PDB file of N, CA and C in Angstrom:
ATOM      1  N   MET A   1     -52.819 -43.420-161.530  1.00  0.00           N
ATOM      2  CA  MET A   1     -52.958 -44.764-162.069  1.00  0.00           C
ATOM      3  C   MET A   1     -53.752 -45.591-161.052  1.00  0.00           C
ATOM      4  N   THR A   2     -54.744 -46.313-161.550  1.00  0.00           N
ATOM      5  CA  THR A   2     -55.568 -47.150-160.679  1.00  0.00           C
ATOM      6  C   THR A   2     -54.847 -48.449-160.338  1.00  0.00           C
ATOM      7  N   GLU A   3     -55.380 -49.167-159.367  1.00  0.00           N
ATOM      8  CA  GLU A   3     -54.799 -50.463-158.994  1.00  0.00           C
ATOM      9  C   GLU A   3     -54.894 -51.453-160.165  1.00  0.00           C
ATOM     10  N   GLU A   4     -56.005 -51.412-160.890  1.00  0.00           N
ATOM     11  CA  GLU A   4     -56.169 -52.297-162.045  1.00  0.00           C
ATOM     12  C   GLU A   4     -55.111 -51.982-163.113  1.00  0.00           C
ATOM     13  N   GLN A   5     -54.868 -50.713-163.356  1.00  0.00           N
ATOM     14  CA  GLN A   5     -53.855 -50.321-164.338  1.00  0.00           C
ATOM     15  C   GLN A   5     -52.462 -50.730-163.870  1.00  0.00           C
ATOM     16  N   ARG A   6     -52.174 -50.574-162.572  1.00  0.00           N
ATOM     17  CA  ARG A   6     -50.887 -51.032-162.038  1.00  0.00           C
ATOM     18  C   ARG A   6     -50.717 -52.533-162.243  1.00  0.00           C
ATOM     19  N   ALA A   7     -51.794 -53.279-162.003  1.00  0.00           N
ATOM     20  CA  ALA A   7     -51.748 -54.735-162.171  1.00  0.00           C
ATOM     21  C   ALA A   7     -51.494 -55.101-163.635  1.00  0.00           C
ATOM     22  N   GLN A   8     -52.101 -54.367-164.558  1.00  0.00           N
ATOM     23  CA  GLN A   8     -51.870 -54.628-165.980  1.00  0.00           C
ATOM     24  C   GLN A   8     -50.414 -54.374-166.347  1.00  0.00           C
ATOM     25  N   ILE A   9     -49.847 -53.274-165.869  1.00  0.00           N
ATOM     26  CA  ILE A   9     -48.441 -52.963-166.141  1.00  0.00           C
ATOM     27  C   ILE A   9     -47.542 -54.038-165.553  1.00  0.00           C
ATOM     28  N   THR A  10     -47.821 -54.459-164.329  1.00  0.00           N
ATOM     29  CA  THR A  10     -47.018 -55.501-163.673  1.00  0.00           C
ATOM     30  C   THR A  10     -47.056 -56.797-164.474  1.00  0.00           C
ATOM     31  N   LYS A  11     -48.226 -57.159-164.985  1.00  0.00           N
ATOM     32  CA  LYS A  11     -48.364 -58.372-165.797  1.00  0.00           C
ATOM     33  C   LYS A  11     -47.525 -58.264-167.068  1.00  0.00           C
ATOM     34  N   ILE A  12     -47.544 -57.122-167.705  1.00  0.00           N
ATOM     35  CA  ILE A  12     -46.781 -56.920-168.943  1.00  0.00           C
ATOM     36  C   ILE A  12     -45.282 -56.938-168.639  1.00  0.00           C
ATOM     37  N   GLU A  13     -44.876 -56.290-167.554  1.00  0.00           N
ATOM     38  CA  GLU A  13     -43.460 -56.271-167.177  1.00  0.00           C
ATOM     39  C   GLU A  13     -42.934 -57.671-166.883  1.00  0.00           C
ATOM     40  N   ALA A  14     -43.796 -58.561-166.395  1.00  0.00           N
ATOM     41  CA  ALA A  14     -43.387 -59.920-166.047  1.00  0.00           C
ATOM     42  C   ALA A  14     -43.318 -60.855-167.255  1.00  0.00           C
ATOM     43  N   ALA A  15     -43.798 -60.404-168.400  1.00  0.00           N
ATOM     44  CA  ALA A  15     -43.819 -61.262-169.599  1.00  0.00           C
ATOM     45  C   ALA A  15     -42.407 -61.661-170.006  1.00  0.00           C
ATOM     46  N   THR A  16     -42.276 -62.925-170.398  1.00  0.00           N
ATOM     47  CA  THR A  16     -40.973 -63.417-170.844  1.00  0.00           C
ATOM     48  C   THR A  16     -40.924 -63.631-172.355  1.00  0.00           C
ATOM     49  N   ALA A  17     -42.081 -63.485-173.005  1.00  0.00           N
ATOM     50  CA  ALA A  17     -42.150 -63.666-174.460  1.00  0.00           C
ATOM     51  C   ALA A  17     -43.417 -63.002-174.980  1.00  0.00           C
ATOM     52  N   PRO A  18     -43.419 -62.621-176.254  1.00  0.00           N
ATOM     53  CA  PRO A  18     -44.654 -62.097-176.854  1.00  0.00           C
ATOM     54  C   PRO A  18     -45.751 -63.160-176.824  1.00  0.00           C
ATOM     55  N   SER A  19     -47.011 -62.716-176.727  1.00  0.00           N
ATOM     56  CA  SER A  19     -48.127 -63.658-176.779  1.00  0.00           C
ATOM     57  C   SER A  19     -49.391 -62.938-177.222  1.00  0.00           C
ATOM     58  N   TRP A  20     -50.282 -63.676-177.860  1.00  0.00           N
ATOM     59  CA  TRP A  20     -51.532 -63.070-178.304  1.00  0.00           C
ATOM     60  C   TRP A  20     -52.405 -62.715-177.108  1.00  0.00           C
ATOM     61  N   GLU A  21     -52.307 -63.495-176.007  1.00  0.00           N
ATOM     62  CA  GLU A  21     -53.091 -63.172-174.810  1.00  0.00           C
ATOM     63  C   GLU A  21     -52.664 -61.822-174.237  1.00  0.00           C
ATOM     64  N   LEU A  22     -51.360 -61.582-174.195  1.00  0.00           N
ATOM     65  CA  LEU A  22     -50.853 -60.311-173.714  1.00  0.00           C
ATOM     66  C   LEU A  22     -51.235 -59.185-174.675  1.00  0.00           C
ATOM     67  N   ASP A  23     -51.213 -59.472-175.982  1.00  0.00           N
ATOM     68  CA  ASP A  23     -51.643 -58.477-176.968  1.00  0.00           C
ATOM     69  C   ASP A  23     -53.084 -58.039-176.692  1.00  0.00           C
ATOM     70  N   GLU A  24     -53.957 -58.986-176.355  1.00  0.00           N
ATOM     71  CA  GLU A  24     -55.355 -58.643-176.057  1.00  0.00           C
ATOM     72  C   GLU A  24     -55.461 -57.830-174.773  1.00  0.00           C
ATOM     73  N   THR A  25     -54.678 -58.184-173.758  1.00  0.00           N
ATOM     74  CA  THR A  25     -54.674 -57.414-172.514  1.00  0.00           C
ATOM     75  C   THR A  25     -54.263 -55.969-172.789  1.00  0.00           C
ATOM     76  N   ILE A  26     -53.222 -55.811-173.592  1.00  0.00           N
ATOM     77  CA  ILE A  26     -52.717 -54.480-173.932  1.00  0.00           C
ATOM     78  C   ILE A  26     -53.753 -53.709-174.753  1.00  0.00           C
ATOM     79  N   ALA A  27     -54.359 -54.376-175.726  1.00  0.00           N
ATOM     80  CA  ALA A  27     -55.373 -53.720-176.561  1.00  0.00           C
ATOM     81  C   ALA A  27     -56.517 -53.182-175.707  1.00  0.00           C
ATOM     82  N   ARG A  28     -57.018 -54.006-174.824  1.00  0.00           N
ATOM     83  CA  ARG A  28     -58.126 -53.572-173.967  1.00  0.00           C
ATOM     84  C   ARG A  28     -57.695 -52.428-173.043  1.00  0.00           C
ATOM     85  N   ALA A  29     -56.489 -52.515-172.491  1.00  0.00           N
ATOM     86  CA  ALA A  29     -55.989 -51.463-171.599  1.00  0.00           C
ATOM     87  C   ALA A  29     -55.852 -50.129-172.340  1.00  0.00           C
ATOM     88  N   ALA A  30     -55.536 -50.200-173.640  1.00  0.00           N
ATOM     89  CA  ALA A  30     -55.355 -48.986-174.450  1.00  0.00           C
ATOM     90  C   ALA A  30     -56.662 -48.484-175.064  1.00  0.00           C
ATOM     91  N   GLY A  31     -57.768 -49.163-174.779  1.00  0.00           N
ATOM     92  CA  GLY A  31     -59.065 -48.689-175.248  1.00  0.00           C
ATOM     93  C   GLY A  31     -59.531 -49.261-176.576  1.00  0.00           C
ATOM     94  N   TRP A  32     -58.814 -50.260-177.098  1.00  0.00           N
ATOM     95  CA  TRP A  32     -59.261 -50.897-178.332  1.00  0.00           C
ATOM     96  C   TRP A  32     -60.505 -51.721-178.033  1.00  0.00           C
ATOM     97  N   LYS A  33     -61.362 -51.850-179.022  1.00  0.00           N
ATOM     98  CA  LYS A  33     -62.610 -52.612-178.886  1.00  0.00           C
ATOM     99  C   LYS A  33     -62.656 -53.719-179.931  1.00  0.00           C
ATOM    100  N   LYS A  34     -63.230 -54.837-179.541  1.00  0.00           N
ATOM    101  CA  LYS A  34     -63.404 -55.959-180.465  1.00  0.00           C
ATOM    102  C   LYS A  34     -64.891 -56.073-180.783  1.00  0.00           C
ATOM    103  N   HIS A  35     -65.198 -56.043-182.078  1.00  0.00           N
ATOM    104  CA  HIS A  35     -66.574 -56.154-182.519  1.00  0.00           C
ATOM    105  C   HIS A  35     -66.613 -57.038-183.754  1.00  0.00           C
ATOM    106  N   ASP A  36     -67.447 -58.065-183.728  1.00  0.00           N
ATOM    107  CA  ASP A  36     -67.559 -59.006-184.847  1.00  0.00           C
ATOM    108  C   ASP A  36     -66.186 -59.517-185.277  1.00  0.00           C
ATOM    109  N   GLU A  37     -65.375 -59.909-184.291  1.00  0.00           N
ATOM    110  CA  GLU A  37     -64.054 -60.505-184.519  1.00  0.00           C
ATOM    111  C   GLU A  37     -63.025 -59.559-185.144  1.00  0.00           C
ATOM    112  N   VAL A  38     -63.302 -58.249-185.127  1.00  0.00           N
ATOM    113  CA  VAL A  38     -62.355 -57.266-185.658  1.00  0.00           C
ATOM    114  C   VAL A  38     -62.037 -56.277-184.536  1.00  0.00           C
ATOM    115  N   TRP A  39     -60.751 -55.956-184.380  1.00  0.00           N
ATOM    116  CA  TRP A  39     -60.308 -54.998-183.371  1.00  0.00           C
ATOM    117  C   TRP A  39     -60.329 -53.589-183.946  1.00  0.00           C
ATOM    118  N   TYR A  40     -60.881 -52.647-183.180  1.00  0.00           N
ATOM    119  CA  TYR A  40     -60.959 -51.256-183.600  1.00  0.00           C
ATOM    120  C   TYR A  40     -60.087 -50.382-182.706  1.00  0.00           C
ATOM    121  N   MET A  41     -59.278 -49.563-183.360  1.00  0.00           N
ATOM    122  CA  MET A  41     -58.437 -48.602-182.677  1.00  0.00           C
ATOM    123  C   MET A  41     -59.328 -47.479-182.156  1.00  0.00           C
ATOM    124  N   PRO A  42     -59.105 -46.993-180.938  1.00  0.00           N
ATOM    125  CA  PRO A  42     -59.977 -45.939-180.400  1.00  0.00           C
ATOM    126  C   PRO A  42     -60.075 -44.729-181.332  1.00  0.00           C
ATOM    127  N   GLY A  43     -61.302 -44.361-181.682  1.00  0.00           N
ATOM    128  CA  GLY A  43     -61.545 -43.181-182.503  1.00  0.00           C
ATOM    129  C   GLY A  43     -61.019 -43.265-183.916  1.00  0.00           C
ATOM    130  N   SER A  44     -60.827 -44.475-184.441  1.00  0.00           N
ATOM    131  CA  SER A  44     -60.208 -44.578-185.757  1.00  0.00           C
ATOM    132  C   SER A  44     -60.790 -45.746-186.538  1.00  0.00           C
ATOM    133  N   TYR A  45     -59.979 -46.283-187.400  1.00  0.00           N
ATOM    134  CA  TYR A  45     -60.376 -47.346-188.305  1.00  0.00           C
ATOM    135  C   TYR A  45     -60.075 -48.720-187.709  1.00  0.00           C
ATOM    136  N   MET A  46     -60.552 -49.764-188.365  1.00  0.00           N
ATOM    137  CA  MET A  46     -60.310 -51.101-187.844  1.00  0.00           C
ATOM    138  C   MET A  46     -58.890 -51.557-188.160  1.00  0.00           C
ATOM    139  N   LEU A  47     -58.393 -52.389-187.295  1.00  0.00           N
ATOM    140  CA  LEU A  47     -57.063 -52.932-187.480  1.00  0.00           C
ATOM    141  C   LEU A  47     -57.025 -54.279-186.777  1.00  0.00           C
ATOM    142  N   GLY A  48     -56.483 -55.261-187.414  1.00  0.00           N
ATOM    143  CA  GLY A  48     -56.404 -56.596-186.833  1.00  0.00           C
ATOM    144  C   GLY A  48     -56.915 -57.619-187.815  1.00  0.00           C
ATOM    145  N   GLN A  49     -56.527 -58.841-187.617  1.00  0.00           N
ATOM    146  CA  GLN A  49     -56.930 -59.889-188.535  1.00  0.00           C
ATOM    147  C   GLN A  49     -57.341 -61.126-187.758  1.00  0.00           C
ATOM    148  N   SER A  50     -58.193 -61.910-188.324  1.00  0.00           N
ATOM    149  CA  SER A  50     -58.568 -63.219-187.803  1.00  0.00           C
ATOM    150  C   SER A  50     -58.990 -63.200-186.345  1.00  0.00           C
ATOM    151  N   GLY A  51     -59.523 -62.084-185.891  1.00  0.00           N
ATOM    152  CA  GLY A  51     -60.002 -62.019-184.527  1.00  0.00           C
ATOM    153  C   GLY A  51     -58.917 -61.790-183.489  1.00  0.00           C
ATOM    154  N   PHE A  52     -57.669 -61.700-183.912  1.00  0.00           N
ATOM    155  CA  PHE A  52     -56.587 -61.469-182.956  1.00  0.00           C
ATOM    156  C   PHE A  52     -56.281 -59.990-182.872  1.00  0.00           C
ATOM    157  N   ALA A  53     -55.885 -59.558-181.683  1.00  0.00           N
ATOM    158  CA  ALA A  53     -55.458 -58.171-181.498  1.00  0.00           C
ATOM    159  C   ALA A  53     -54.158 -57.955-182.274  1.00  0.00           C
ATOM    160  N   PRO A  54     -53.846 -56.706-182.601  1.00  0.00           N
ATOM    161  CA  PRO A  54     -52.558 -56.437-183.245  1.00  0.00           C
ATOM    162  C   PRO A  54     -51.413 -57.002-182.398  1.00  0.00           C
ATOM    163  N   LYS A  55     -50.358 -57.376-183.049  1.00  0.00           N
ATOM    164  CA  LYS A  55     -49.225 -58.018-182.366  1.00  0.00           C
ATOM    165  C   LYS A  55     -48.344 -56.979-181.674  1.00  0.00           C
ATOM    166  N   PHE A  56     -48.888 -56.344-180.651  1.00  0.00           N
ATOM    167  CA  PHE A  56     -48.170 -55.300-179.932  1.00  0.00           C
ATOM    168  C   PHE A  56     -46.872 -55.802-179.311  1.00  0.00           C
ATOM    169  N   THR A  57     -46.878 -57.036-178.806  1.00  0.00           N
ATOM    170  CA  THR A  57     -45.722 -57.546-178.061  1.00  0.00           C
ATOM    171  C   THR A  57     -44.611 -58.087-178.947  1.00  0.00           C
ATOM    172  N   SER A  58     -44.858 -58.207-180.240  1.00  0.00           N
ATOM    173  CA  SER A  58     -43.820 -58.755-181.126  1.00  0.00           C
ATOM    174  C   SER A  58     -43.488 -57.848-182.307  1.00  0.00           C
ATOM    175  N   SER A  59     -44.159 -56.710-182.426  1.00  0.00           N
ATOM    176  CA  SER A  59     -43.935 -55.807-183.552  1.00  0.00           C
ATOM    177  C   SER A  59     -43.697 -54.378-183.051  1.00  0.00           C
ATOM    178  N   ILE A  60     -42.556 -53.834-183.398  1.00  0.00           N
ATOM    179  CA  ILE A  60     -42.259 -52.445-183.023  1.00  0.00           C
ATOM    180  C   ILE A  60     -43.289 -51.507-183.644  1.00  0.00           C
ATOM    181  N   ASP A  61     -43.628 -51.732-184.914  1.00  0.00           N
ATOM    182  CA  ASP A  61     -44.614 -50.882-185.588  1.00  0.00           C
ATOM    183  C   ASP A  61     -45.962 -50.904-184.885  1.00  0.00           C
ATOM    184  N   ARG A  62     -46.403 -52.085-184.480  1.00  0.00           N
ATOM    185  CA  ARG A  62     -47.702 -52.192-183.795  1.00  0.00           C
ATOM    186  C   ARG A  62     -47.622 -51.561-182.403  1.00  0.00           C
ATOM    187  N   ALA A  63     -46.518 -51.779-181.695  1.00  0.00           N
ATOM    188  CA  ALA A  63     -46.359 -51.188-180.364  1.00  0.00           C
ATOM    189  C   ALA A  63     -46.393 -49.669-180.442  1.00  0.00           C
ATOM    190  N   MET A  64     -45.835 -49.108-181.510  1.00  0.00           N
ATOM    191  CA  MET A  64     -45.818 -47.649-181.683  1.00  0.00           C
ATOM    192  C   MET A  64     -47.233 -47.075-181.818  1.00  0.00           C
ATOM    193  N   LEU A  65     -48.196 -47.893-182.261  1.00  0.00           N
ATOM    194  CA  LEU A  65     -49.585 -47.433-182.361  1.00  0.00           C
ATOM    195  C   LEU A  65     -50.159 -47.059-180.995  1.00  0.00           C
ATOM    196  N   LEU A  66     -49.555 -47.574-179.933  1.00  0.00           N
ATOM    197  CA  LEU A  66     -50.065 -47.339-178.589  1.00  0.00           C
ATOM    198  C   LEU A  66     -49.611 -46.003-177.994  1.00  0.00           C
ATOM    199  N   VAL A  67     -48.570 -45.404-178.559  1.00  0.00           N
ATOM    200  CA  VAL A  67     -48.058 -44.142-178.017  1.00  0.00           C
ATOM    201  C   VAL A  67     -49.143 -43.081-178.196  1.00  0.00           C
ATOM    202  N   PRO A  68     -49.587 -42.488-177.088  1.00  0.00           N
ATOM    203  CA  PRO A  68     -50.690 -41.523-177.180  1.00  0.00           C
ATOM    204  C   PRO A  68     -50.325 -40.272-177.979  1.00  0.00           C
ATOM    205  N   GLU A  69     -51.352 -39.663-178.538  1.00  0.00           N
ATOM    206  CA  GLU A  69     -51.157 -38.407-179.267  1.00  0.00           C
ATOM    207  C   GLU A  69     -50.546 -37.377-178.321  1.00  0.00           C
ATOM    208  N   GLY A  70     -49.594 -36.625-178.825  1.00  0.00           N
ATOM    209  CA  GLY A  70     -48.928 -35.620-178.012  1.00  0.00           C
ATOM    210  C   GLY A  70     -47.700 -36.142-177.290  1.00  0.00           C
ATOM    211  N   TRP A  71     -47.450 -37.450-177.388  1.00  0.00           N
ATOM    212  CA  TRP A  71     -46.273 -38.071-176.780  1.00  0.00           C
ATOM    213  C   TRP A  71     -45.320 -38.495-177.891  1.00  0.00           C
ATOM    214  N   ASN A  72     -44.032 -38.419-177.616  1.00  0.00           N
ATOM    215  CA  ASN A  72     -43.012 -38.806-178.597  1.00  0.00           C
ATOM    216  C   ASN A  72     -41.976 -39.710-177.946  1.00  0.00           C
ATOM    217  N   ILE A  73     -41.511 -40.670-178.719  1.00  0.00           N
ATOM    218  CA  ILE A  73     -40.414 -41.500-178.233  1.00  0.00           C
ATOM    219  C   ILE A  73     -39.138 -40.677-178.363  1.00  0.00           C
ATOM    220  N   ILE A  74     -38.439 -40.541-177.267  1.00  0.00           N
ATOM    221  CA  ILE A  74     -37.207 -39.769-177.224  1.00  0.00           C
ATOM    222  C   ILE A  74     -36.008 -40.670-177.499  1.00  0.00           C
ATOM    223  N   SER A  75     -36.021 -41.868-176.925  1.00  0.00           N
ATOM    224  CA  SER A  75     -34.911 -42.798-177.168  1.00  0.00           C
ATOM    225  C   SER A  75     -35.348 -44.235-176.956  1.00  0.00           C
ATOM    226  N   MET A  76     -34.664 -45.123-177.665  1.00  0.00           N
ATOM    227  CA  MET A  76     -34.795 -46.566-177.491  1.00  0.00           C
ATOM    228  C   MET A  76     -33.366 -47.101-177.526  1.00  0.00           C
ATOM    229  N   ASP A  77     -32.868 -47.490-176.381  1.00  0.00           N
ATOM    230  CA  ASP A  77     -31.488 -47.935-176.289  1.00  0.00           C
ATOM    231  C   ASP A  77     -31.397 -49.281-175.597  1.00  0.00           C
ATOM    232  N   GLN A  78     -30.509 -50.114-176.090  1.00  0.00           N
ATOM    233  CA  GLN A  78     -30.263 -51.384-175.421  1.00  0.00           C
ATOM    234  C   GLN A  78     -29.146 -51.186-174.406  1.00  0.00           C
ATOM    235  N   VAL A  79     -29.434 -51.569-173.181  1.00  0.00           N
ATOM    236  CA  VAL A  79     -28.441 -51.503-172.123  1.00  0.00           C
ATOM    237  C   VAL A  79     -27.634 -52.794-172.211  1.00  0.00           C
ATOM    238  N   LEU A  80     -26.435 -52.695-172.717  1.00  0.00           N
ATOM    239  CA  LEU A  80     -25.642 -53.880-173.032  1.00  0.00           C
ATOM    240  C   LEU A  80     -25.303 -54.731-171.823  1.00  0.00           C
ATOM    241  N   SER A  81     -25.183 -54.128-170.655  1.00  0.00           N
ATOM    242  CA  SER A  81     -24.772 -54.902-169.488  1.00  0.00           C
ATOM    243  C   SER A  81     -25.819 -55.911-169.032  1.00  0.00           C
ATOM    244  N   ASP A  82     -27.077 -55.614-169.259  1.00  0.00           N
ATOM    245  CA  ASP A  82     -28.101 -56.551-168.800  1.00  0.00           C
ATOM    246  C   ASP A  82     -29.055 -57.019-169.899  1.00  0.00           C
ATOM    247  N   GLY A  83     -28.873 -56.539-171.115  1.00  0.00           N
ATOM    248  CA  GLY A  83     -29.695 -56.996-172.225  1.00  0.00           C
ATOM    249  C   GLY A  83     -31.085 -56.391-172.298  1.00  0.00           C
ATOM    250  N   PHE A  84     -31.396 -55.441-171.440  1.00  0.00           N
ATOM    251  CA  PHE A  84     -32.702 -54.798-171.470  1.00  0.00           C
ATOM    252  C   PHE A  84     -32.704 -53.650-172.470  1.00  0.00           C
ATOM    253  N   TRP A  85     -33.891 -53.375-172.996  1.00  0.00           N
ATOM    254  CA  TRP A  85     -34.110 -52.190-173.825  1.00  0.00           C
ATOM    255  C   TRP A  85     -34.736 -51.129-172.946  1.00  0.00           C
ATOM    256  N   GLY A  86     -34.226 -49.919-173.029  1.00  0.00           N
ATOM    257  CA  GLY A  86     -34.814 -48.791-172.322  1.00  0.00           C
ATOM    258  C   GLY A  86     -35.535 -47.903-173.311  1.00  0.00           C
ATOM    259  N   VAL A  87     -36.724 -47.457-172.949  1.00  0.00           N
ATOM    260  CA  VAL A  87     -37.532 -46.588-173.811  1.00  0.00           C
ATOM    261  C   VAL A  87     -37.937 -45.354-173.016  1.00  0.00           C
ATOM    262  N   ASP A  88     -37.617 -44.184-173.567  1.00  0.00           N
ATOM    263  CA  ASP A  88     -38.025 -42.903-172.985  1.00  0.00           C
ATOM    264  C   ASP A  88     -39.063 -42.274-173.897  1.00  0.00           C
ATOM    265  N   ILE A  89     -40.204 -41.877-173.325  1.00  0.00           N
ATOM    266  CA  ILE A  89     -41.188 -41.099-174.079  1.00  0.00           C
ATOM    267  C   ILE A  89     -41.513 -39.856-173.267  1.00  0.00           C
ATOM    268  N   ALA A  90     -41.886 -38.794-173.970  1.00  0.00           N
ATOM    269  CA  ALA A  90     -42.159 -37.530-173.282  1.00  0.00           C
ATOM    270  C   ALA A  90     -43.274 -36.765-173.978  1.00  0.00           C
ATOM    271  N   SER A  91     -43.909 -35.897-173.192  1.00  0.00           N
ATOM    272  CA  SER A  91     -44.954 -35.016-173.706  1.00  0.00           C
ATOM    273  C   SER A  91     -44.689 -33.612-173.199  1.00  0.00           C
ATOM    274  N   ILE A  92     -44.529 -32.685-174.116  1.00  0.00           N
ATOM    275  CA  ILE A  92     -44.345 -31.287-173.728  1.00  0.00           C
ATOM    276  C   ILE A  92     -45.643 -30.767-173.102  1.00  0.00           C
ATOM    277  N   GLU A  93     -46.775 -31.138-173.711  1.00  0.00           N
ATOM    278  CA  GLU A  93     -48.072 -30.675-173.214  1.00  0.00           C
ATOM    279  C   GLU A  93     -48.328 -31.155-171.792  1.00  0.00           C
ATOM    280  N   ALA A  94     -48.056 -32.434-171.542  1.00  0.00           N
ATOM    281  CA  ALA A  94     -48.301 -33.009-170.220  1.00  0.00           C
ATOM    282  C   ALA A  94     -47.167 -32.684-169.245  1.00  0.00           C
ATOM    283  N   LYS A  95     -46.082 -32.099-169.766  1.00  0.00           N
ATOM    284  CA  LYS A  95     -44.903 -31.804-168.954  1.00  0.00           C
ATOM    285  C   LYS A  95     -44.479 -33.038-168.170  1.00  0.00           C
ATOM    286  N   SER A  96     -44.356 -34.130-168.910  1.00  0.00           N
ATOM    287  CA  SER A  96     -44.057 -35.410-168.282  1.00  0.00           C
ATOM    288  C   SER A  96     -43.161 -36.250-169.178  1.00  0.00           C
ATOM    289  N   ALA A  97     -42.391 -37.100-168.536  1.00  0.00           N
ATOM    290  CA  ALA A  97     -41.561 -38.072-169.258  1.00  0.00           C
ATOM    291  C   ALA A  97     -41.696 -39.417-168.553  1.00  0.00           C
ATOM    292  N   ILE A  98     -41.609 -40.474-169.331  1.00  0.00           N
ATOM    293  CA  ILE A  98     -41.779 -41.820-168.794  1.00  0.00           C
ATOM    294  C   ILE A  98     -40.663 -42.703-169.328  1.00  0.00           C
ATOM    295  N   TYR A  99     -40.146 -43.543-168.470  1.00  0.00           N
ATOM    296  CA  TYR A  99     -39.107 -44.501-168.852  1.00  0.00           C
ATOM    297  C   TYR A  99     -39.626 -45.895-168.567  1.00  0.00           C
ATOM    298  N   SER A 100     -39.335 -46.826-169.463  1.00  0.00           N
ATOM    299  CA  SER A 100     -39.652 -48.228-169.214  1.00  0.00           C
ATOM    300  C   SER A 100     -38.505 -49.076-169.735  1.00  0.00           C
ATOM    301  N   GLN A 101     -38.467 -50.310-169.285  1.00  0.00           N
ATOM    302  CA  GLN A 101     -37.459 -51.223-169.802  1.00  0.00           C
ATOM    303  C   GLN A 101     -37.997 -52.650-169.800  1.00  0.00           C
ATOM    304  N   HIS A 102     -37.481 -53.419-170.740  1.00  0.00           N
ATOM    305  CA  HIS A 102     -37.851 -54.823-170.871  1.00  0.00           C
ATOM    306  C   HIS A 102     -36.836 -55.474-171.791  1.00  0.00           C
ATOM    307  N   LYS A 103     -36.702 -56.782-171.704  1.00  0.00           N
ATOM    308  CA  LYS A 103     -35.752 -57.491-172.580  1.00  0.00           C
ATOM    309  C   LYS A 103     -36.226 -57.539-174.026  1.00  0.00           C
ATOM    310  N   ILE A 104     -37.526 -57.324-174.249  1.00  0.00           N
ATOM    311  CA  ILE A 104     -38.099 -57.352-175.595  1.00  0.00           C
ATOM    312  C   ILE A 104     -38.542 -55.927-175.941  1.00  0.00           C
ATOM    313  N   LEU A 105     -37.941 -55.341-176.982  1.00  0.00           N
ATOM    314  CA  LEU A 105     -38.185 -53.938-177.309  1.00  0.00           C
ATOM    315  C   LEU A 105     -39.663 -53.599-177.498  1.00  0.00           C
ATOM    316  N   PRO A 106     -40.439 -54.348-178.290  1.00  0.00           N
ATOM    317  CA  PRO A 106     -41.853 -53.970-178.425  1.00  0.00           C
ATOM    318  C   PRO A 106     -42.597 -53.949-177.089  1.00  0.00           C
ATOM    319  N   ILE A 107     -42.247 -54.846-176.187  1.00  0.00           N
ATOM    320  CA  ILE A 107     -42.907 -54.859-174.876  1.00  0.00           C
ATOM    321  C   ILE A 107     -42.490 -53.632-174.070  1.00  0.00           C
ATOM    322  N   ALA A 108     -41.230 -53.221-174.166  1.00  0.00           N
ATOM    323  CA  ALA A 108     -40.787 -51.995-173.486  1.00  0.00           C
ATOM    324  C   ALA A 108     -41.564 -50.787-174.003  1.00  0.00           C
ATOM    325  N   ILE A 109     -41.810 -50.739-175.307  1.00  0.00           N
ATOM    326  CA  ILE A 109     -42.602 -49.646-175.896  1.00  0.00           C
ATOM    327  C   ILE A 109     -44.035 -49.694-175.363  1.00  0.00           C
ATOM    328  N   CYS A 110     -44.621 -50.889-175.312  1.00  0.00           N
ATOM    329  CA  CYS A 110     -45.991 -51.044-174.799  1.00  0.00           C
ATOM    330  C   CYS A 110     -46.102 -50.530-173.370  1.00  0.00           C
ATOM    331  N   ILE A 111     -45.140 -50.887-172.540  1.00  0.00           N
ATOM    332  CA  ILE A 111     -45.162 -50.466-171.136  1.00  0.00           C
ATOM    333  C   ILE A 111     -45.126 -48.944-171.043  1.00  0.00           C
ATOM    334  N   ALA A 112     -44.202 -48.317-171.752  1.00  0.00           N
ATOM    335  CA  ALA A 112     -44.091 -46.853-171.717  1.00  0.00           C
ATOM    336  C   ALA A 112     -45.369 -46.196-172.231  1.00  0.00           C
ATOM    337  N   ALA A 113     -45.908 -46.707-173.337  1.00  0.00           N
ATOM    338  CA  ALA A 113     -47.117 -46.127-173.925  1.00  0.00           C
ATOM    339  C   ALA A 113     -48.313 -46.247-172.990  1.00  0.00           C
ATOM    340  N   LEU A 114     -48.464 -47.400-172.353  1.00  0.00           N
ATOM    341  CA  LEU A 114     -49.586 -47.561-171.430  1.00  0.00           C
ATOM    342  C   LEU A 114     -49.419 -46.668-170.201  1.00  0.00           C
ATOM    343  N   LYS A 115     -48.198 -46.574-169.685  1.00  0.00           N
ATOM    344  CA  LYS A 115     -47.966 -45.669-168.546  1.00  0.00           C
ATOM    345  C   LYS A 115     -48.349 -44.244-168.929  1.00  0.00           C
ATOM    346  N   ALA A 116     -48.025 -43.830-170.143  1.00  0.00           N
ATOM    347  CA  ALA A 116     -48.392 -42.489-170.602  1.00  0.00           C
ATOM    348  C   ALA A 116     -49.908 -42.338-170.678  1.00  0.00           C
ATOM    349  N   ARG A 117     -50.590 -43.371-171.116  1.00  0.00           N
ATOM    350  CA  ARG A 117     -52.049 -43.319-171.198  1.00  0.00           C
ATOM    351  C   ARG A 117     -52.686 -43.252-169.805  1.00  0.00           C
ATOM    352  N   PHE A 118     -52.005 -43.862-168.827  1.00  0.00           N
ATOM    353  CA  PHE A 118     -52.566 -43.934-167.487  1.00  0.00           C
ATOM    354  C   PHE A 118     -52.216 -42.727-166.609  1.00  0.00           C
ATOM    355  N   VAL A 119     -51.392 -41.810-167.149  1.00  0.00           N
ATOM    356  CA  VAL A 119     -50.984 -40.627-166.358  1.00  0.00           C
ATOM    357  C   VAL A 119     -52.205 -39.767-166.087  1.00  0.00           C
TER     358      VAL A 119
END
């Protein structure tokens, strides 16, 4: 993981609420491109509306789009003692597993997915 990628993860981990600015940071980190006010998923079709990146930080479904091919979410559990959500993802091919946590579940998914992309 590069220093820039570490800084992006640190910024996302520090988030206290979903935001469109953070959604754009995440989109760019995951390789999404913006062209003519429309966001394009890497190697796929367009996704997004009104010039805004998909709502990765506020939608579980959108956050799941970030999980790289070959990786699977193993668990999403809320740790009741501190209110954080823990997310485990793993790849048999990469022989790797990643854990992340955040108070907001979609953000926890984003963190794990980006860490997997940066491996």
